C-alpha atoms as a PDB file:
ATOM      1  CA  MET A   1      90.771  62.722 -87.330  1.00  0.00           C
ATOM      2  CA  PRO A   2      92.592  62.732 -90.726  1.00  0.00           C
ATOM      3  CA  LEU A   3      94.811  60.040 -92.280  1.00  0.00           C
ATOM      4  CA  TYR A   4      98.415  61.263 -92.920  1.00  0.00           C
ATOM      5  CA  ASP A   5     100.538  59.784 -95.655  1.00  0.00           C
ATOM      6  CA  PHE A   6     104.120  58.900 -95.052  1.00  0.00           C
ATOM      7  CA  GLU A   7     106.833  57.250 -97.260  1.00  0.00           C
ATOM      8  CA  CYS A   8     110.001  55.494 -96.170  1.00  0.00           C
ATOM      9  CA  THR A   9     113.148  57.311 -96.848  1.00  0.00           C
ATOM     10  CA  ALA A  10     114.948  53.970 -97.798  1.00  0.00           C
ATOM     11  CA  CYS A  11     112.489  51.655 -99.563  1.00  0.00           C
ATOM     12  CA  GLY A  12     109.709  53.960-100.519  1.00  0.00           C
ATOM     13  CA  LYS A  13     106.888  51.764 -98.817  1.00  0.00           C
ATOM     14  CA  GLU A  14     103.852  54.096 -97.973  1.00  0.00           C
ATOM     15  CA  VAL A  15     102.554  54.135 -94.546  1.00  0.00           C
ATOM     16  CA  GLU A  16      99.341  55.775 -93.234  1.00  0.00           C
ATOM     17  CA  ILE A  17      98.933  57.316 -89.686  1.00  0.00           C
ATOM     18  CA  PHE A  18      95.547  58.079 -88.385  1.00  0.00           C
ATOM     19  CA  CYS A  19      95.878  60.697 -85.513  1.00  0.00           C
ATOM     20  CA  CYS A  20      94.794  64.127 -84.353  1.00  0.00           C
ATOM     21  CA  ILE A  21      96.784  67.186 -85.618  1.00  0.00           C
ATOM     22  CA  ASN A  22      98.141  67.692 -81.995  1.00  0.00           C
ATOM     23  CA  ASP A  23      99.774  64.269 -81.980  1.00  0.00           C
ATOM     24  CA  LEU A  24     101.166  64.558 -85.471  1.00  0.00           C
ATOM     25  CA  GLU A  25     104.652  65.847 -84.663  1.00  0.00           C
ATOM     26  CA  GLN A  26     105.243  63.178 -82.138  1.00  0.00           C
ATOM     27  CA  ARG A  27     103.854  60.422 -84.399  1.00  0.00           C
ATOM     28  CA  LYS A  28     106.313  61.657 -87.147  1.00  0.00           C
ATOM     29  CA  MET A  29     109.185  61.061 -85.005  1.00  0.00           C
ATOM     30  CA  ASP A  30     107.979  57.776 -83.544  1.00  0.00           C
ATOM     31  CA  THR A  31     106.950  56.168 -86.775  1.00  0.00           C
ATOM     32  CA  ARG A  32     109.166  53.851 -88.597  1.00  0.00           C
ATOM     33  CA  CYS A  33     108.852  51.843 -91.796  1.00  0.00           C
ATOM     34  CA  PRO A  34     107.109  48.419 -91.090  1.00  0.00           C
ATOM     35  CA  SER A  35     109.565  46.670 -93.589  1.00  0.00           C
ATOM     36  CA  CYS A  36     112.972  47.968 -92.928  1.00  0.00           C
ATOM     37  CA  GLN A  37     112.452  50.092 -89.708  1.00  0.00           C
ATOM     38  CA  CYS A  38     113.860  53.207 -91.453  1.00  0.00           C
ATOM     39  CA  THR A  39     112.566  56.863 -90.892  1.00  0.00           C
ATOM     40  CA  VAL A  40     109.568  58.023 -92.823  1.00  0.00           C
ATOM     41  CA  LYS A  41     108.689  61.433 -94.408  1.00  0.00           C
ATOM     42  CA  GLN A  42     105.372  63.012 -94.830  1.00  0.00           C
ATOM     43  CA  VAL A  43     104.102  63.209 -98.265  1.00  0.00           C
ATOM     44  CA  ILE A  44     101.019  65.261 -99.670  1.00  0.00           C
ATOM     45  CA  LYS A  45      98.723  63.439-102.023  1.00  0.00           C
ATOM     46  CA  ALA A  46      96.000  64.927-104.201  1.00  0.00           C
ATOM     47  CA  VAL A  47      92.579  63.746-103.271  1.00  0.00           C
ATOM     48  CA  ARG A  48      89.630  63.737-105.798  1.00  0.00           C
ATOM     49  CA  PRO A  49      86.434  65.570-104.580  1.00  0.00           C
ATOM     50  CA  GLY A  50      84.091  62.977-102.840  1.00  0.00           C
ATOM     51  CA  ASP A  51      86.965  60.463-102.430  1.00  0.00           C
ATOM     52  CA  TRP A  52      88.131  61.493 -99.036  1.00  0.00           C
ATOM     53  CA  PHE A  53      87.668  58.004 -97.276  1.00  0.00           C
ATOM     54  CA  ARG A  54      90.148  55.392 -97.347  1.00  0.00           C
ATOM     55  CA  GLU A  55      90.219  51.997 -95.329  1.00  0.00           C
ATOM     56  CA  HIS A  56      92.186  52.588 -92.148  1.00  0.00           C
ATOM     57  CA  VAL A  57      92.694  51.260 -88.661  1.00  0.00           C
ATOM     58  CA  ASN A  58      91.040  53.423 -85.776  1.00  0.00           C
ATOM     59  CA  TYR A  59      92.479  53.147 -82.287  1.00  0.00           C
ATOM     60  CA  ASP A  60      90.049  55.752 -80.743  1.00  0.00           C
ATOM     61  CA  PHE A  61      86.712  54.070 -80.492  1.00  0.00           C
ATOM     62  CA  ASP A  62      87.485  51.715 -77.659  1.00  0.00           C
ATOM     63  CA  GLY A  63      91.206  51.459 -77.372  1.00  0.00           C
ATOM     64  CA  THR A  64      91.662  48.506 -79.490  1.00  0.00           C
ATOM     65  CA  PRO A  65      92.471  48.750 -83.215  1.00  0.00           C
ATOM     66  CA  ILE A  66      89.432  48.484 -85.519  1.00  0.00           C
ATOM     67  CA  GLN A  67      89.817  48.161 -89.234  1.00  0.00           C
ATOM     68  CA  VAL A  68      87.375  50.696 -90.864  1.00  0.00           C
ATOM     69  CA  THR A  69      86.465  49.453 -94.243  1.00  0.00           C
ATOM     70  CA  SER A  70      83.982  51.867 -95.666  1.00  0.00           C
ATOM     71  CA  LYS A  71      82.000  55.037 -94.873  1.00  0.00           C
ATOM     72  CA  ARG A  72      79.024  52.862 -93.999  1.00  0.00           C
ATOM     73  CA  HIS A  73      81.169  50.810 -91.518  1.00  0.00           C
ATOM     74  CA  TYR A  74      82.489  54.091 -90.147  1.00  0.00           C
ATOM     75  CA  ARG A  75      78.864  55.437 -89.612  1.00  0.00           C
ATOM     76  CA  GLU A  76      77.885  52.121 -87.757  1.00  0.00           C
ATOM     77  CA  LEU A  77      81.063  52.376 -85.496  1.00  0.00           C
ATOM     78  CA  CYS A  78      80.100  56.023 -84.733  1.00  0.00           C
ATOM     79  CA  ARG A  79      76.523  55.059 -83.779  1.00  0.00           C
ATOM     80  CA  LYS A  80      77.838  52.090 -81.842  1.00  0.00           C
ATOM     81  CA  PHE A  81      80.273  54.085 -79.729  1.00  0.00           C
ATOM     82  CA  ASN A  82      78.009  57.160 -79.624  1.00  0.00           C
ATOM     83  CA  VAL A  83      80.460  59.533 -81.268  1.00  0.00           C
ATOM     84  CA  GLN A  84      79.957  62.035 -83.886  1.00  0.00           C
ATOM     85  CA  ALA A  85      82.276  62.434 -86.893  1.00  0.00           C
ATOM     86  CA  ARG A  86      82.310  65.850 -88.454  1.00  0.00           C
ATOM     87  CA  ALA A  87      83.462  64.019 -91.759  1.00  0.00           C
ATOM     88  CA  LEU A  88      80.073  62.427 -91.960  1.00  0.00           C
ATOM     89  CA  MET A  89      77.867  65.375 -91.285  1.00  0.00           C
END
């Protein structure tokens, strides 16, 4: 699942959402800025080749939030929960 970048329409704070593409539209409507609770808009950022990984919180491994800090940590979590990530193939 990819990370999606959003920006607050009022204060400009950036928010990242980690979700599958099927849930994206609902998450867009439900997400509010953590600082001022205003609406957010999706932004597209350029990513350099080989720089696809960013630190994020993953809710899908066991239902509780896990802070994923690196590609190596992500690989370890995939092994621990017996899942395969296409991004690591």
